[in-house]
Amino acid sequence: MTITHIDVVSLPVSDQERARDFYVGTLGFELVRQNKMGPAQQWIQVAPKGAQTSITLVTWFDTMPAGSLQGLVLHADDIDAEVTALTAKGVQVPDGVQDAPWGRYAVFTDPDGNRLVLQGRPVRA
């Protein structure tokens, strides 16, 4: 096989433009592509700056209702600074930054309730 990486992950949302504004405006992702897909749908694709994998904000999968994605893991080099920036933008991070043997993480949701995990490196002793 010649599969080299994950290209696009579908993320279910109820309002694509609201979700785009959250991922681009709040999380700082880049808008990779936005174009019409017929009369009532559009393709909106976002990605962290420099990332190889991107996210498409979808409304068309009946088996993926908005908010049903759980545990999409994002990486941040300075998780404390990122959580501070997120909370300053109104994102709730109910449990703050947590420490685990495998790294530091914080959990938050997007406007539809998709559960995202922001992960950083473990604290070195």
PDB file of N, CA and C in Angstrom:
ATOM      1  N   MET A   1       0.837  -1.193   0.000  1.00  0.00           N
ATOM      2  CA  MET A   1       0.000   0.000   0.000  1.00  0.00           C
ATOM      3  C   MET A   1       0.875   1.247   0.000  1.00  0.00           C
ATOM      4  N   THR A   2       0.302   2.323  -0.516  1.00  0.00           N
ATOM      5  CA  THR A   2       1.054   3.571  -0.580  1.00  0.00           C
ATOM      6  C   THR A   2       0.348   4.715   0.153  1.00  0.00           C
ATOM      7  N   ILE A   3      -0.441   4.385   1.151  1.00  0.00           N
ATOM      8  CA  ILE A   3      -1.091   5.434   1.942  1.00  0.00           C
ATOM      9  C   ILE A   3      -0.017   6.111   2.783  1.00  0.00           C
ATOM     10  N   THR A   4       0.031   7.440   2.719  1.00  0.00           N
ATOM     11  CA  THR A   4       1.103   8.161   3.401  1.00  0.00           C
ATOM     12  C   THR A   4       0.654   8.997   4.589  1.00  0.00           C
ATOM     13  N   HIS A   5      -0.621   9.395   4.610  1.00  0.00           N
ATOM     14  CA  HIS A   5      -1.098  10.209   5.722  1.00  0.00           C
ATOM     15  C   HIS A   5      -2.613  10.339   5.678  1.00  0.00           C
ATOM     16  N   ILE A   6      -3.179  10.879   6.732  1.00  0.00           N
ATOM     17  CA  ILE A   6      -4.593  11.211   6.751  1.00  0.00           C
ATOM     18  C   ILE A   6      -4.718  12.592   6.128  1.00  0.00           C
ATOM     19  N   ASP A   7      -5.579  12.709   5.136  1.00  0.00           N
ATOM     20  CA  ASP A   7      -5.717  13.964   4.410  1.00  0.00           C
ATOM     21  C   ASP A   7      -6.774  14.875   5.047  1.00  0.00           C
ATOM     22  N   VAL A   8      -8.013  14.374   5.163  1.00  0.00           N
ATOM     23  CA  VAL A   8      -9.121  15.185   5.653  1.00  0.00           C
ATOM     24  C   VAL A   8      -9.945  14.369   6.650  1.00  0.00           C
ATOM     25  N   VAL A   9     -10.334  15.006   7.742  1.00  0.00           N
ATOM     26  CA  VAL A   9     -11.238  14.413   8.723  1.00  0.00           C
ATOM     27  C   VAL A   9     -12.546  15.187   8.643  1.00  0.00           C
ATOM     28  N   SER A  10     -13.665  14.485   8.541  1.00  0.00           N
ATOM     29  CA  SER A  10     -14.977  15.131   8.509  1.00  0.00           C
ATOM     30  C   SER A  10     -15.442  15.417   9.936  1.00  0.00           C
ATOM     31  N   LEU A  11     -15.859  16.652  10.175  1.00  0.00           N
ATOM     32  CA  LEU A  11     -16.309  17.077  11.490  1.00  0.00           C
ATOM     33  C   LEU A  11     -17.749  17.567  11.345  1.00  0.00           C
ATOM     34  N   PRO A  12     -18.709  16.908  12.023  1.00  0.00           N
ATOM     35  CA  PRO A  12     -20.112  17.247  11.832  1.00  0.00           C
ATOM     36  C   PRO A  12     -20.542  18.515  12.578  1.00  0.00           C
ATOM     37  N   VAL A  13     -21.141  19.434  11.832  1.00  0.00           N
ATOM     38  CA  VAL A  13     -21.592  20.702  12.402  1.00  0.00           C
ATOM     39  C   VAL A  13     -23.014  21.000  11.919  1.00  0.00           C
ATOM     40  N   SER A  14     -23.685  21.914  12.606  1.00  0.00           N
ATOM     41  CA  SER A  14     -25.032  22.304  12.184  1.00  0.00           C
ATOM     42  C   SER A  14     -25.008  23.541  11.292  1.00  0.00           C
ATOM     43  N   ASP A  15     -24.041  24.408  11.503  1.00  0.00           N
ATOM     44  CA  ASP A  15     -23.930  25.661  10.752  1.00  0.00           C
ATOM     45  C   ASP A  15     -22.470  25.797  10.315  1.00  0.00           C
ATOM     46  N   GLN A  16     -22.229  25.587   9.036  1.00  0.00           N
ATOM     47  CA  GLN A  16     -20.846  25.564   8.549  1.00  0.00           C
ATOM     48  C   GLN A  16     -20.136  26.894   8.729  1.00  0.00           C
ATOM     49  N   GLU A  17     -20.821  27.990   8.501  1.00  0.00           N
ATOM     50  CA  GLU A  17     -20.158  29.288   8.603  1.00  0.00           C
ATOM     51  C   GLU A  17     -19.843  29.641  10.058  1.00  0.00           C
ATOM     52  N   ARG A  18     -20.742  29.304  10.969  1.00  0.00           N
ATOM     53  CA  ARG A  18     -20.457  29.516  12.397  1.00  0.00           C
ATOM     54  C   ARG A  18     -19.262  28.667  12.821  1.00  0.00           C
ATOM     55  N   ALA A  19     -19.231  27.408  12.367  1.00  0.00           N
ATOM     56  CA  ALA A  19     -18.113  26.520  12.688  1.00  0.00           C
ATOM     57  C   ALA A  19     -16.817  27.054  12.072  1.00  0.00           C
ATOM     58  N   ARG A  20     -16.884  27.518  10.826  1.00  0.00           N
ATOM     59  CA  ARG A  20     -15.692  28.100  10.183  1.00  0.00           C
ATOM     60  C   ARG A  20     -15.168  29.265  11.009  1.00  0.00           C
ATOM     61  N   ASP A  21     -16.060  30.131  11.457  1.00  0.00           N
ATOM     62  CA  ASP A  21     -15.638  31.282  12.249  1.00  0.00           C
ATOM     63  C   ASP A  21     -14.967  30.844  13.549  1.00  0.00           C
ATOM     64  N   PHE A  22     -15.462  29.768  14.169  1.00  0.00           N
ATOM     65  CA  PHE A  22     -14.841  29.257  15.391  1.00  0.00           C
ATOM     66  C   PHE A  22     -13.452  28.688  15.104  1.00  0.00           C
ATOM     67  N   TYR A  23     -13.348  27.831  14.110  1.00  0.00           N
ATOM     68  CA  TYR A  23     -12.058  27.182  13.833  1.00  0.00           C
ATOM     69  C   TYR A  23     -11.025  28.160  13.290  1.00  0.00           C
ATOM     70  N   VAL A  24     -11.458  29.115  12.488  1.00  0.00           N
ATOM     71  CA  VAL A  24     -10.524  30.099  11.942  1.00  0.00           C
ATOM     72  C   VAL A  24     -10.311  31.252  12.928  1.00  0.00           C
ATOM     73  N   GLY A  25     -11.395  31.854  13.384  1.00  0.00           N
ATOM     74  CA  GLY A  25     -11.283  33.040  14.234  1.00  0.00           C
ATOM     75  C   GLY A  25     -10.859  32.763  15.658  1.00  0.00           C
ATOM     76  N   THR A  26     -11.345  31.657  16.234  1.00  0.00           N
ATOM     77  CA  THR A  26     -11.040  31.358  17.633  1.00  0.00           C
ATOM     78  C   THR A  26      -9.812  30.475  17.774  1.00  0.00           C
ATOM     79  N   LEU A  27      -9.756  29.394  16.991  1.00  0.00           N
ATOM     80  CA  LEU A  27      -8.614  28.469  17.109  1.00  0.00           C
ATOM     81  C   LEU A  27      -7.423  28.866  16.249  1.00  0.00           C
ATOM     82  N   GLY A  28      -7.608  29.794  15.327  1.00  0.00           N
ATOM     83  CA  GLY A  28      -6.488  30.263  14.509  1.00  0.00           C
ATOM     84  C   GLY A  28      -6.144  29.358  13.336  1.00  0.00           C
ATOM     85  N   PHE A  29      -7.068  28.481  12.945  1.00  0.00           N
ATOM     86  CA  PHE A  29      -6.827  27.632  11.780  1.00  0.00           C
ATOM     87  C   PHE A  29      -6.861  28.488  10.519  1.00  0.00           C
ATOM     88  N   GLU A  30      -6.324  27.941   9.436  1.00  0.00           N
ATOM     89  CA  GLU A  30      -6.407  28.595   8.132  1.00  0.00           C
ATOM     90  C   GLU A  30      -7.624  28.059   7.381  1.00  0.00           C
ATOM     91  N   LEU A  31      -8.246  28.915   6.599  1.00  0.00           N
ATOM     92  CA  LEU A  31      -9.300  28.476   5.695  1.00  0.00           C
ATOM     93  C   LEU A  31      -8.613  27.926   4.457  1.00  0.00           C
ATOM     94  N   VAL A  32      -8.677  26.619   4.264  1.00  0.00           N
ATOM     95  CA  VAL A  32      -8.009  25.962   3.141  1.00  0.00           C
ATOM     96  C   VAL A  32      -8.842  26.123   1.875  1.00  0.00           C
ATOM     97  N   ARG A  33     -10.155  25.911   2.015  1.00  0.00           N
ATOM     98  CA  ARG A  33     -11.029  25.955   0.833  1.00  0.00           C
ATOM     99  C   ARG A  33     -12.457  26.177   1.287  1.00  0.00           C
ATOM    100  N   GLN A  34     -13.177  26.983   0.512  1.00  0.00           N
ATOM    101  CA  GLN A  34     -14.611  27.149   0.707  1.00  0.00           C
ATOM    102  C   GLN A  34     -15.234  27.332  -0.666  1.00  0.00           C
ATOM    103  N   ASN A  35     -16.059  26.384  -1.063  1.00  0.00           N
ATOM    104  CA  ASN A  35     -16.742  26.490  -2.345  1.00  0.00           C
ATOM    105  C   ASN A  35     -18.069  25.750  -2.310  1.00  0.00           C
ATOM    106  N   LYS A  36     -18.963  26.130  -3.217  1.00  0.00           N
ATOM    107  CA  LYS A  36     -20.290  25.520  -3.312  1.00  0.00           C
ATOM    108  C   LYS A  36     -20.184  24.070  -3.747  1.00  0.00           C
ATOM    109  N   MET A  37     -21.112  23.263  -3.232  1.00  0.00           N
ATOM    110  CA  MET A  37     -21.252  21.857  -3.619  1.00  0.00           C
ATOM    111  C   MET A  37     -22.711  21.634  -3.980  1.00  0.00           C
ATOM    112  N   GLY A  38     -23.176  22.249  -5.011  1.00  0.00           N
ATOM    113  CA  GLY A  38     -24.581  22.151  -5.355  1.00  0.00           C
ATOM    114  C   GLY A  38     -25.353  23.310  -4.768  1.00  0.00           C
ATOM    115  N   PRO A  39     -26.688  23.269  -4.884  1.00  0.00           N
ATOM    116  CA  PRO A  39     -27.492  24.427  -4.490  1.00  0.00           C
ATOM    117  C   PRO A  39     -27.551  24.700  -2.982  1.00  0.00           C
ATOM    118  N   ALA A  40     -27.421  23.675  -2.143  1.00  0.00           N
ATOM    119  CA  ALA A  40     -27.641  23.894  -0.709  1.00  0.00           C
ATOM    120  C   ALA A  40     -26.470  23.484   0.171  1.00  0.00           C
ATOM    121  N   GLN A  41     -25.354  23.108  -0.418  1.00  0.00           N
ATOM    122  CA  GLN A  41     -24.219  22.667   0.389  1.00  0.00           C
ATOM    123  C   GLN A  41     -22.957  23.395  -0.042  1.00  0.00           C
ATOM    124  N   GLN A  42     -22.006  23.401   0.878  1.00  0.00           N
ATOM    125  CA  GLN A  42     -20.702  23.950   0.538  1.00  0.00           C
ATOM    126  C   GLN A  42     -19.611  23.137   1.210  1.00  0.00           C
ATOM    127  N   TRP A  43     -18.452  23.177   0.606  1.00  0.00           N
ATOM    128  CA  TRP A  43     -17.275  22.510   1.147  1.00  0.00           C
ATOM    129  C   TRP A  43     -16.477  23.568   1.877  1.00  0.00           C
ATOM    130  N   ILE A  44     -16.342  23.395   3.177  1.00  0.00           N
ATOM    131  CA  ILE A  44     -15.499  24.296   3.971  1.00  0.00           C
ATOM    132  C   ILE A  44     -14.444  23.433   4.633  1.00  0.00           C
ATOM    133  N   GLN A  45     -13.196  23.741   4.331  1.00  0.00           N
ATOM    134  CA  GLN A  45     -12.056  22.956   4.817  1.00  0.00           C
ATOM    135  C   GLN A  45     -11.109  23.884   5.555  1.00  0.00           C
ATOM    136  N   VAL A  46     -10.734  23.503   6.775  1.00  0.00           N
ATOM    137  CA  VAL A  46      -9.850  24.299   7.621  1.00  0.00           C
ATOM    138  C   VAL A  46      -8.712  23.421   8.125  1.00  0.00           C
ATOM    139  N   ALA A  47      -7.630  24.055   8.538  1.00  0.00           N
ATOM    140  CA  ALA A  47      -6.489  23.296   9.055  1.00  0.00           C
ATOM    141  C   ALA A  47      -5.620  24.195   9.928  1.00  0.00           C
ATOM    142  N   PRO A  48      -4.957  23.589  10.922  1.00  0.00           N
ATOM    143  CA  PRO A  48      -3.949  24.365  11.649  1.00  0.00           C
ATOM    144  C   PRO A  48      -2.866  24.814  10.664  1.00  0.00           C
ATOM    145  N   LYS A  49      -2.287  25.946  10.908  1.00  0.00           N
ATOM    146  CA  LYS A  49      -1.241  26.464  10.016  1.00  0.00           C
ATOM    147  C   LYS A  49      -0.107  25.452   9.874  1.00  0.00           C
ATOM    148  N   GLY A  50       0.211  25.124   8.629  1.00  0.00           N
ATOM    149  CA  GLY A  50       1.306  24.207   8.342  1.00  0.00           C
ATOM    150  C   GLY A  50       0.964  22.733   8.484  1.00  0.00           C
ATOM    151  N   ALA A  51      -0.276  22.409   8.824  1.00  0.00           N
ATOM    152  CA  ALA A  51      -0.653  21.015   9.045  1.00  0.00           C
ATOM    153  C   ALA A  51      -0.812  20.257   7.734  1.00  0.00           C
ATOM    154  N   GLN A  52      -0.556  18.977   7.783  1.00  0.00           N
ATOM    155  CA  GLN A  52      -0.754  18.119   6.629  1.00  0.00           C
ATOM    156  C   GLN A  52      -2.204  17.622   6.569  1.00  0.00           C
ATOM    157  N   THR A  53      -2.820  17.428   7.718  1.00  0.00           N
ATOM    158  CA  THR A  53      -4.198  16.965   7.790  1.00  0.00           C
ATOM    159  C   THR A  53      -5.120  18.156   8.017  1.00  0.00           C
ATOM    160  N   SER A  54      -6.268  18.139   7.361  1.00  0.00           N
ATOM    161  CA  SER A  54      -7.230  19.221   7.519  1.00  0.00           C
ATOM    162  C   SER A  54      -8.584  18.659   7.953  1.00  0.00           C
ATOM    163  N   ILE A  55      -9.504  19.559   8.218  1.00  0.00           N
ATOM    164  CA  ILE A  55     -10.848  19.204   8.672  1.00  0.00           C
ATOM    165  C   ILE A  55     -11.837  19.805   7.694  1.00  0.00           C
ATOM    166  N   THR A  56     -12.834  19.020   7.296  1.00  0.00           N
ATOM    167  CA  THR A  56     -13.939  19.578   6.532  1.00  0.00           C
ATOM    168  C   THR A  56     -15.164  19.615   7.431  1.00  0.00           C
ATOM    169  N   LEU A  57     -15.844  20.730   7.407  1.00  0.00           N
ATOM    170  CA  LEU A  57     -16.998  20.966   8.268  1.00  0.00           C
ATOM    171  C   LEU A  57     -18.239  20.500   7.513  1.00  0.00           C
ATOM    172  N   VAL A  58     -18.800  19.369   7.932  1.00  0.00           N
ATOM    173  CA  VAL A  58     -19.845  18.703   7.154  1.00  0.00           C
ATOM    174  C   VAL A  58     -21.218  18.784   7.810  1.00  0.00           C
ATOM    175  N   THR A  59     -22.236  18.806   6.954  1.00  0.00           N
ATOM    176  CA  THR A  59     -23.628  18.800   7.400  1.00  0.00           C
ATOM    177  C   THR A  59     -24.416  17.690   6.727  1.00  0.00           C
ATOM    178  N   TRP A  60     -23.772  16.904   5.890  1.00  0.00           N
ATOM    179  CA  TRP A  60     -24.508  15.995   5.004  1.00  0.00           C
ATOM    180  C   TRP A  60     -24.459  14.516   5.356  1.00  0.00           C
ATOM    181  N   PHE A  61     -23.858  14.123   6.428  1.00  0.00           N
ATOM    182  CA  PHE A  61     -23.840  12.705   6.803  1.00  0.00           C
ATOM    183  C   PHE A  61     -24.912  12.445   7.858  1.00  0.00           C
ATOM    184  N   ASP A  62     -25.954  11.709   7.486  1.00  0.00           N
ATOM    185  CA  ASP A  62     -27.052  11.425   8.423  1.00  0.00           C
ATOM    186  C   ASP A  62     -26.581  10.692   9.675  1.00  0.00           C
ATOM    187  N   THR A  63     -25.562   9.872   9.542  1.00  0.00           N
ATOM    188  CA  THR A  63     -25.077   9.093  10.685  1.00  0.00           C
ATOM    189  C   THR A  63     -24.069   9.866  11.532  1.00  0.00           C
ATOM    190  N   MET A  64     -23.787  11.114  11.169  1.00  0.00           N
ATOM    191  CA  MET A  64     -22.881  11.967  11.930  1.00  0.00           C
ATOM    192  C   MET A  64     -23.602  13.263  12.288  1.00  0.00           C
ATOM    193  N   PRO A  65     -24.462  13.242  13.289  1.00  0.00           N
ATOM    194  CA  PRO A  65     -25.146  14.484  13.656  1.00  0.00           C
ATOM    195  C   PRO A  65     -24.160  15.501  14.235  1.00  0.00           C
ATOM    196  N   ALA A  66     -24.503  16.754  14.089  1.00  0.00           N
ATOM    197  CA  ALA A  66     -23.659  17.828  14.621  1.00  0.00           C
ATOM    198  C   ALA A  66     -23.359  17.573  16.089  1.00  0.00           C
ATOM    199  N   GLY A  67     -22.100  17.718  16.460  1.00  0.00           N
ATOM    200  CA  GLY A  67     -21.682  17.530  17.847  1.00  0.00           C
ATOM    201  C   GLY A  67     -21.338  16.107  18.219  1.00  0.00           C
ATOM    202  N   SER A  68     -21.383  15.185  17.275  1.00  0.00           N
ATOM    203  CA  SER A  68     -21.159  13.772  17.612  1.00  0.00           C
ATOM    204  C   SER A  68     -19.693  13.349  17.619  1.00  0.00           C
ATOM    205  N   LEU A  69     -18.802  14.210  17.155  1.00  0.00           N
ATOM    206  CA  LEU A  69     -17.376  13.846  17.167  1.00  0.00           C
ATOM    207  C   LEU A  69     -16.822  14.020  18.571  1.00  0.00           C
ATOM    208  N   GLN A  70     -16.146  13.019  19.055  1.00  0.00           N
ATOM    209  CA  GLN A  70     -15.575  13.063  20.403  1.00  0.00           C
ATOM    210  C   GLN A  70     -14.098  12.698  20.346  1.00  0.00           C
ATOM    211  N   GLY A  71     -13.258  13.487  20.975  1.00  0.00           N
ATOM    212  CA  GLY A  71     -11.866  13.106  21.139  1.00  0.00           C
ATOM    213  C   GLY A  71     -10.936  13.437  19.992  1.00  0.00           C
ATOM    214  N   LEU A  72     -11.257  14.435  19.175  1.00  0.00           N
ATOM    215  CA  LEU A  72     -10.295  14.883  18.174  1.00  0.00           C
ATOM    216  C   LEU A  72      -9.154  15.562  18.928  1.00  0.00           C
ATOM    217  N   VAL A  73      -7.937  15.066  18.763  1.00  0.00           N
ATOM    218  CA  VAL A  73      -6.798  15.560  19.535  1.00  0.00           C
ATOM    219  C   VAL A  73      -5.991  16.554  18.698  1.00  0.00           C
ATOM    220  N   LEU A  74      -5.809  17.744  19.253  1.00  0.00           N
ATOM    221  CA  LEU A  74      -5.017  18.802  18.639  1.00  0.00           C
ATOM    222  C   LEU A  74      -3.762  18.986  19.485  1.00  0.00           C
ATOM    223  N   HIS A  75      -2.674  19.400  18.871  1.00  0.00           N
ATOM    224  CA  HIS A  75      -1.421  19.578  19.613  1.00  0.00           C
ATOM    225  C   HIS A  75      -1.091  21.060  19.750  1.00  0.00           C
ATOM    226  N   ALA A  76      -0.543  21.412  20.912  1.00  0.00           N
ATOM    227  CA  ALA A  76      -0.026  22.758  21.163  1.00  0.00           C
ATOM    228  C   ALA A  76       1.284  22.627  21.920  1.00  0.00           C
ATOM    229  N   ASP A  77       2.295  23.373  21.498  1.00  0.00           N
ATOM    230  CA  ASP A  77       3.583  23.329  22.189  1.00  0.00           C
ATOM    231  C   ASP A  77       3.485  23.933  23.594  1.00  0.00           C
ATOM    232  N   ASP A  78       2.711  25.012  23.739  1.00  0.00           N
ATOM    233  CA  ASP A  78       2.537  25.671  25.041  1.00  0.00           C
ATOM    234  C   ASP A  78       1.055  25.611  25.399  1.00  0.00           C
ATOM    235  N   ILE A  79       0.655  24.520  25.998  1.00  0.00           N
ATOM    236  CA  ILE A  79      -0.763  24.294  26.273  1.00  0.00           C
ATOM    237  C   ILE A  79      -1.325  25.326  27.251  1.00  0.00           C
ATOM    238  N   ASP A  80      -0.528  25.766  28.215  1.00  0.00           N
ATOM    239  CA  ASP A  80      -1.018  26.760  29.177  1.00  0.00           C
ATOM    240  C   ASP A  80      -1.359  28.072  28.471  1.00  0.00           C
ATOM    241  N   ALA A  81      -0.494  28.517  27.574  1.00  0.00           N
ATOM    242  CA  ALA A  81      -0.746  29.750  26.821  1.00  0.00           C
ATOM    243  C   ALA A  81      -1.961  29.593  25.917  1.00  0.00           C
ATOM    244  N   GLU A  82      -2.105  28.444  25.302  1.00  0.00           N
ATOM    245  CA  GLU A  82      -3.253  28.208  24.416  1.00  0.00           C
ATOM    246  C   GLU A  82      -4.564  28.210  25.197  1.00  0.00           C
ATOM    247  N   VAL A  83      -4.582  27.569  26.353  1.00  0.00           N
ATOM    248  CA  VAL A  83      -5.796  27.550  27.161  1.00  0.00           C
ATOM    249  C   VAL A  83      -6.128  28.956  27.660  1.00  0.00           C
ATOM    250  N   THR A  84      -5.134  29.713  28.034  1.00  0.00           N
ATOM    251  CA  THR A  84      -5.359  31.104  28.432  1.00  0.00           C
ATOM    252  C   THR A  84      -5.962  31.902  27.287  1.00  0.00           C
ATOM    253  N   ALA A  85      -5.434  31.721  26.084  1.00  0.00           N
ATOM    254  CA  ALA A  85      -5.951  32.432  24.907  1.00  0.00           C
ATOM    255  C   ALA A  85      -7.374  31.982  24.583  1.00  0.00           C
ATOM    256  N   LEU A  86      -7.634  30.693  24.679  1.00  0.00           N
ATOM    257  CA  LEU A  86      -8.982  30.188  24.396  1.00  0.00           C
ATOM    258  C   LEU A  86     -10.000  30.759  25.383  1.00  0.00           C
ATOM    259  N   THR A  87      -9.671  30.734  26.668  1.00  0.00           N
ATOM    260  CA  THR A  87     -10.617  31.234  27.660  1.00  0.00           C
ATOM    261  C   THR A  87     -10.834  32.746  27.500  1.00  0.00           C
ATOM    262  N   ALA A  88      -9.802  33.460  27.076  1.00  0.00           N
ATOM    263  CA  ALA A  88      -9.949  34.893  26.815  1.00  0.00           C
ATOM    264  C   ALA A  88     -10.907  35.145  25.655  1.00  0.00           C
ATOM    265  N   LYS A  89     -11.025  34.180  24.756  1.00  0.00           N
ATOM    266  CA  LYS A  89     -11.945  34.293  23.620  1.00  0.00           C
ATOM    267  C   LYS A  89     -13.321  33.700  23.926  1.00  0.00           C
ATOM    268  N   GLY A  90     -13.542  33.328  25.185  1.00  0.00           N
ATOM    269  CA  GLY A  90     -14.852  32.848  25.598  1.00  0.00           C
ATOM    270  C   GLY A  90     -15.057  31.345  25.525  1.00  0.00           C
ATOM    271  N   VAL A  91     -14.015  30.598  25.188  1.00  0.00           N
ATOM    272  CA  VAL A  91     -14.136  29.138  25.137  1.00  0.00           C
ATOM    273  C   VAL A  91     -14.035  28.610  26.561  1.00  0.00           C
ATOM    274  N   GLN A  92     -14.981  27.758  26.930  1.00  0.00           N
ATOM    275  CA  GLN A  92     -14.956  27.175  28.264  1.00  0.00           C
ATOM    276  C   GLN A  92     -14.083  25.929  28.262  1.00  0.00           C
ATOM    277  N   VAL A  93     -13.152  25.896  29.201  1.00  0.00           N
ATOM    278  CA  VAL A  93     -12.289  24.733  29.424  1.00  0.00           C
ATOM    279  C   VAL A  93     -12.545  24.328  30.870  1.00  0.00           C
ATOM    280  N   PRO A  94     -13.630  23.560  31.085  1.00  0.00           N
ATOM    281  CA  PRO A  94     -14.138  23.338  32.446  1.00  0.00           C
ATOM    282  C   PRO A  94     -13.133  22.779  33.445  1.00  0.00           C
ATOM    283  N   ASP A  95     -12.291  21.864  33.012  1.00  0.00           N
ATOM    284  CA  ASP A  95     -11.345  21.243  33.942  1.00  0.00           C
ATOM    285  C   ASP A  95      -9.940  21.819  33.832  1.00  0.00           C
ATOM    286  N   GLY A  96      -9.765  22.853  33.037  1.00  0.00           N
ATOM    287  CA  GLY A  96      -8.447  23.449  32.865  1.00  0.00           C
ATOM    288  C   GLY A  96      -7.451  22.465  32.278  1.00  0.00           C
ATOM    289  N   VAL A  97      -6.193  22.745  32.503  1.00  0.00           N
ATOM    290  CA  VAL A  97      -5.127  21.875  32.008  1.00  0.00           C
ATOM    291  C   VAL A  97      -4.924  20.734  33.002  1.00  0.00           C
ATOM    292  N   GLN A  98      -4.921  19.522  32.493  1.00  0.00           N
ATOM    293  CA  GLN A  98      -4.737  18.320  33.307  1.00  0.00           C
ATOM    294  C   GLN A  98      -3.378  17.704  32.997  1.00  0.00           C
ATOM    295  N   ASP A  99      -2.765  17.100  34.001  1.00  0.00           N
ATOM    296  CA  ASP A  99      -1.491  16.397  33.808  1.00  0.00           C
ATOM    297  C   ASP A  99      -1.735  14.898  33.818  1.00  0.00           C
ATOM    298  N   ALA A 100      -1.106  14.207  32.875  1.00  0.00           N
ATOM    299  CA  ALA A 100      -1.191  12.750  32.777  1.00  0.00           C
ATOM    300  C   ALA A 100       0.210  12.242  32.454  1.00  0.00           C
ATOM    301  N   PRO A 101       0.489  10.973  32.699  1.00  0.00           N
ATOM    302  CA  PRO A 101       1.818  10.440  32.409  1.00  0.00           C
ATOM    303  C   PRO A 101       2.238  10.607  30.947  1.00  0.00           C
ATOM    304  N   TRP A 102       1.265  10.627  30.056  1.00  0.00           N
ATOM    305  CA  TRP A 102       1.564  10.733  28.626  1.00  0.00           C
ATOM    306  C   TRP A 102       1.610  12.160  28.117  1.00  0.00           C
ATOM    307  N   GLY A 103       1.214  13.123  28.945  1.00  0.00           N
ATOM    308  CA  GLY A 103       1.254  14.517  28.517  1.00  0.00           C
ATOM    309  C   GLY A 103       0.245  15.368  29.259  1.00  0.00           C
ATOM    310  N   ARG A 104       0.193  16.613  28.889  1.00  0.00           N
ATOM    311  CA  ARG A 104      -0.754  17.551  29.480  1.00  0.00           C
ATOM    312  C   ARG A 104      -1.872  17.766  28.475  1.00  0.00           C
ATOM    313  N   TYR A 105      -3.099  17.966  28.967  1.00  0.00           N
ATOM    314  CA  TYR A 105      -4.215  18.126  28.044  1.00  0.00           C
ATOM    315  C   TYR A 105      -5.306  18.985  28.661  1.00  0.00           C
ATOM    316  N   ALA A 106      -6.154  19.490  27.777  1.00  0.00           N
ATOM    317  CA  ALA A 106      -7.334  20.244  28.190  1.00  0.00           C
ATOM    318  C   ALA A 106      -8.450  19.893  27.210  1.00  0.00           C
ATOM    319  N   VAL A 107      -9.656  19.805  27.731  1.00  0.00           N
ATOM    320  CA  VAL A 107     -10.805  19.423  26.911  1.00  0.00           C
ATOM    321  C   VAL A 107     -11.753  20.607  26.788  1.00  0.00           C
ATOM    322  N   PHE A 108     -12.243  20.844  25.571  1.00  0.00           N
ATOM    323  CA  PHE A 108     -13.229  21.884  25.332  1.00  0.00           C
ATOM    324  C   PHE A 108     -14.116  21.441  24.174  1.00  0.00           C
ATOM    325  N   THR A 109     -15.169  22.176  23.921  1.00  0.00           N
ATOM    326  CA  THR A 109     -16.069  21.833  22.826  1.00  0.00           C
ATOM    327  C   THR A 109     -16.186  22.994  21.850  1.00  0.00           C
ATOM    328  N   ASP A 110     -16.530  22.644  20.617  1.00  0.00           N
ATOM    329  CA  ASP A 110     -16.808  23.669  19.623  1.00  0.00           C
ATOM    330  C   ASP A 110     -18.276  24.101  19.786  1.00  0.00           C
ATOM    331  N   PRO A 111     -18.760  25.050  18.994  1.00  0.00           N
ATOM    332  CA  PRO A 111     -20.144  25.529  19.174  1.00  0.00           C
ATOM    333  C   PRO A 111     -21.219  24.450  19.026  1.00  0.00           C
ATOM    334  N   ASP A 112     -20.924  23.341  18.352  1.00  0.00           N
ATOM    335  CA  ASP A 112     -21.897  22.265  18.198  1.00  0.00           C
ATOM    336  C   ASP A 112     -21.777  21.191  19.265  1.00  0.00           C
ATOM    337  N   GLY A 113     -20.762  21.261  20.103  1.00  0.00           N
ATOM    338  CA  GLY A 113     -20.567  20.242  21.127  1.00  0.00           C
ATOM    339  C   GLY A 113     -19.591  19.142  20.747  1.00  0.00           C
ATOM    340  N   ASN A 114     -18.924  19.272  19.596  1.00  0.00           N
ATOM    341  CA  ASN A 114     -17.857  18.325  19.274  1.00  0.00           C
ATOM    342  C   ASN A 114     -16.770  18.483  20.326  1.00  0.00           C
ATOM    343  N   ARG A 115     -16.328  17.376  20.887  1.00  0.00           N
ATOM    344  CA  ARG A 115     -15.368  17.398  22.004  1.00  0.00           C
ATOM    345  C   ARG A 115     -13.943  17.345  21.467  1.00  0.00           C
ATOM    346  N   LEU A 116     -13.175  18.373  21.754  1.00  0.00           N
ATOM    347  CA  LEU A 116     -11.798  18.488  21.288  1.00  0.00           C
ATOM    348  C   LEU A 116     -10.845  18.396  22.467  1.00  0.00           C
ATOM    349  N   VAL A 117      -9.712  17.768  22.242  1.00  0.00           N
ATOM    350  CA  VAL A 117      -8.687  17.632  23.267  1.00  0.00           C
ATOM    351  C   VAL A 117      -7.447  18.374  22.785  1.00  0.00           C
ATOM    352  N   LEU A 118      -6.985  19.299  23.570  1.00  0.00           N
ATOM    353  CA  LEU A 118      -5.753  20.010  23.273  1.00  0.00           C
ATOM    354  C   LEU A 118      -4.665  19.335  24.090  1.00  0.00           C
ATOM    355  N   GLN A 119      -3.653  18.856  23.419  1.00  0.00           N
ATOM    356  CA  GLN A 119      -2.614  18.072  24.093  1.00  0.00           C
ATOM    357  C   GLN A 119      -1.253  18.730  23.948  1.00  0.00           C
ATOM    358  N   GLY A 120      -0.489  18.650  25.010  1.00  0.00           N
ATOM    359  CA  GLY A 120       0.887  19.134  25.008  1.00  0.00           C
ATOM    360  C   GLY A 120       1.810  18.045  25.510  1.00  0.00           C
ATOM    361  N   ARG A 121       3.037  18.342  25.622  1.00  0.00           N
ATOM    362  CA  ARG A 121       4.046  17.385  26.088  1.00  0.00           C
ATOM    363  C   ARG A 121       3.988  17.256  27.601  1.00  0.00           C
ATOM    364  N   PRO A 122       4.422  16.106  28.133  1.00  0.00           N
ATOM    365  CA  PRO A 122       4.445  15.968  29.601  1.00  0.00           C
ATOM    366  C   PRO A 122       5.458  16.916  30.225  1.00  0.00           C
ATOM    367  N   VAL A 123       5.192  17.267  31.467  1.00  0.00           N
ATOM    368  CA  VAL A 123       6.135  18.098  32.206  1.00  0.00           C
ATOM    369  C   VAL A 123       7.336  17.230  32.549  1.00  0.00           C
ATOM    370  N   ARG A 124       8.521  17.731  32.293  1.00  0.00           N
ATOM    371  CA  ARG A 124       9.730  16.973  32.603  1.00  0.00           C
ATOM    372  C   ARG A 124      10.126  17.176  34.058  1.00  0.00           C
ATOM    373  N   ALA A 125      10.539  16.105  34.678  1.00  0.00           N
ATOM    374  CA  ALA A 125      10.929  16.170  36.090  1.00  0.00           C
ATOM    375  C   ALA A 125      12.312  16.754  36.265  1.00  0.00           C
TER     376      ALA A 125
END
